[in-house]
Protein backbone atom coordinates (compact mmCIF):
# COMPACT_ATOMS: atom_id res chain seq x y z
CA MET A 1 15.26 -26.00 -1.34
CA GLN A 2 13.87 -29.63 -1.76
CA ALA A 3 10.33 -28.27 -1.67
CA ILE A 4 11.15 -26.04 -4.35
CA ASP A 5 12.75 -28.39 -6.61
CA LEU A 6 9.76 -30.90 -6.22
CA HIS A 7 7.19 -27.77 -7.09
CA MET A 8 9.47 -27.31 -9.87
CA GLN A 9 9.81 -30.62 -11.23
CA LYS A 10 5.40 -30.42 -10.95
CA ASN A 11 5.11 -26.89 -12.18
CA HIS A 12 3.19 -26.38 -9.10
CA SER A 13 3.78 -22.26 -9.04
CA PHE A 14 0.88 -22.08 -6.22
CA GLY A 15 3.50 -24.20 -3.88
CA LEU A 16 6.35 -22.46 -5.09
CA VAL A 17 5.02 -19.35 -3.98
CA GLU A 18 4.77 -20.73 -0.31
CA ASP A 19 8.00 -22.21 -0.57
CA TYR A 20 9.66 -18.61 -1.71
CA LEU A 21 8.03 -16.80 1.37
CA GLY A 22 8.65 -19.13 3.93
CA ILE A 23 12.49 -19.14 2.50
CA ALA A 24 12.22 -15.59 2.86
CA MET A 25 11.20 -15.64 6.68
CA VAL A 26 14.09 -18.04 7.42
CA TYR A 27 16.29 -15.49 5.74
CA ALA A 28 14.85 -12.84 7.63
CA THR A 29 15.96 -14.14 11.06
CA LEU A 30 19.23 -15.50 10.13
CA ASP A 31 19.94 -11.66 9.12
CA MET A 32 20.23 -12.95 5.14
CA LYS A 33 18.92 -9.71 4.01
CA GLU A 34 19.52 -10.18 0.23
CA GLU A 35 18.71 -13.64 -0.08
CA GLY A 36 15.63 -13.13 1.35
CA LYS A 37 14.69 -10.04 -0.82
CA GLU A 38 15.44 -12.18 -3.78
CA ALA A 39 13.01 -15.14 -2.66
CA LEU A 40 10.43 -12.56 -2.23
CA ASN A 41 11.32 -11.08 -5.38
CA LYS A 42 10.65 -14.45 -7.15
CA ALA A 43 7.43 -14.86 -5.18
CA LEU A 44 5.86 -11.85 -6.61
CA GLU A 45 7.39 -12.06 -10.03
CA ILE A 46 5.89 -15.44 -10.12
CA SER A 47 2.43 -14.73 -8.67
CA THR A 48 2.35 -11.79 -10.74
CA ASN A 49 3.04 -13.40 -13.73
CA LEU A 50 0.00 -15.82 -13.21
CA GLN A 51 -1.74 -13.51 -11.96
CA MET A 52 -2.00 -15.10 -8.81
CA HIS A 53 -3.77 -11.58 -7.08
CA PRO A 54 -4.36 -13.63 -3.42
CA LYS A 55 -0.80 -14.79 -3.55
CA VAL A 56 0.41 -11.48 -4.45
CA LEU A 57 -1.10 -9.61 -1.69
CA GLU A 58 0.12 -12.31 0.34
CA THR A 59 3.80 -11.50 -0.80
CA TYR A 60 3.19 -8.12 -0.01
CA LYS A 61 2.18 -8.99 3.54
CA VAL A 62 5.23 -10.99 3.90
CA PHE A 63 7.68 -8.12 2.07
CA ALA A 64 6.36 -6.05 5.35
CA LYS A 65 6.52 -8.44 7.56
CA PHE A 66 10.34 -9.35 6.21
CA TYR A 67 11.12 -5.74 6.75
CA GLN A 68 9.80 -5.27 10.13
CA THR A 69 11.87 -8.41 11.01
CA ILE A 70 15.06 -7.21 9.65
CA ASP A 71 14.25 -3.78 11.06
CA ASN A 72 13.28 -1.57 8.08
CA LYS A 73 10.09 -0.24 9.14
CA ASP A 74 10.14 2.38 6.07
CA ALA A 75 10.91 -0.72 3.57
CA ALA A 76 7.90 -2.48 5.84
CA LEU A 77 5.57 0.52 5.52
CA GLU A 78 6.29 1.08 1.62
CA ALA A 79 5.16 -2.58 1.14
CA LEU A 80 2.24 -2.36 3.02
CA ASN A 81 1.52 0.55 1.10
CA LYS A 82 1.62 -1.49 -1.97
CA PHE A 83 -0.50 -4.26 -0.24
CA VAL A 84 -3.38 -1.55 0.02
CA VAL A 85 -3.25 -0.44 -3.42
CA ILE A 86 -3.39 -4.17 -4.68
CA TYR A 87 -6.30 -4.90 -2.12
CA ASP A 88 -8.23 -1.64 -3.04
CA SER A 89 -7.64 -2.56 -7.13
CA VAL A 90 -8.88 -6.41 -6.63
CA LEU A 91 -11.92 -5.10 -4.26
CA PHE A 92 -12.92 -2.60 -7.00
CA ILE A 93 -12.46 -5.12 -9.63
CA GLN A 94 -14.86 -7.85 -8.11
CA GLN A 95 -17.22 -5.03 -7.26
CA ILE A 96 -17.32 -4.32 -11.12
CA GLU A 97 -18.04 -8.21 -11.92
CA VAL A 98 -20.51 -8.51 -9.20
CA LEU A 99 -22.21 -5.32 -10.03
CA ARG A 100 -22.51 -6.70 -13.91
CA GLU A 101 -23.79 -9.65 -12.86
CA VAL A 102 -26.75 -8.08 -10.79
CA THR A 103 -27.62 -5.98 -13.86
CA SER A 104 -27.10 -8.74 -16.18
CA ASN A 105 -29.77 -10.87 -14.03
CA TYR A 106 -31.49 -7.84 -13.66
CA GLU A 107 -32.02 -7.10 -17.41
CA THR A 108 -32.62 -10.78 -18.34
CA LYS A 109 -36.02 -10.98 -16.10
């Protein structure tokens, strides 16, 4: 919990997400389901609000791992499905950006 306090003081969102993800997995091994879900939801909220797409993806992966650890296969599958949807959308956005860049370079030549 000291790491969370330190990252909050320094306004280090990336570190906060990492802390919450790690804490969630500790809670999973201790069978503290609600506390783990709360930590994961905090990580997801921070990464979503700041549009940190790689961290959003990582959070959904940890959600799946968390649910698998607490033996909730349906929730694990749902988390993996969300991961895939977000991964596909991020990949699609990156492909559009590359296409725009290539088109722009071609038009200027």
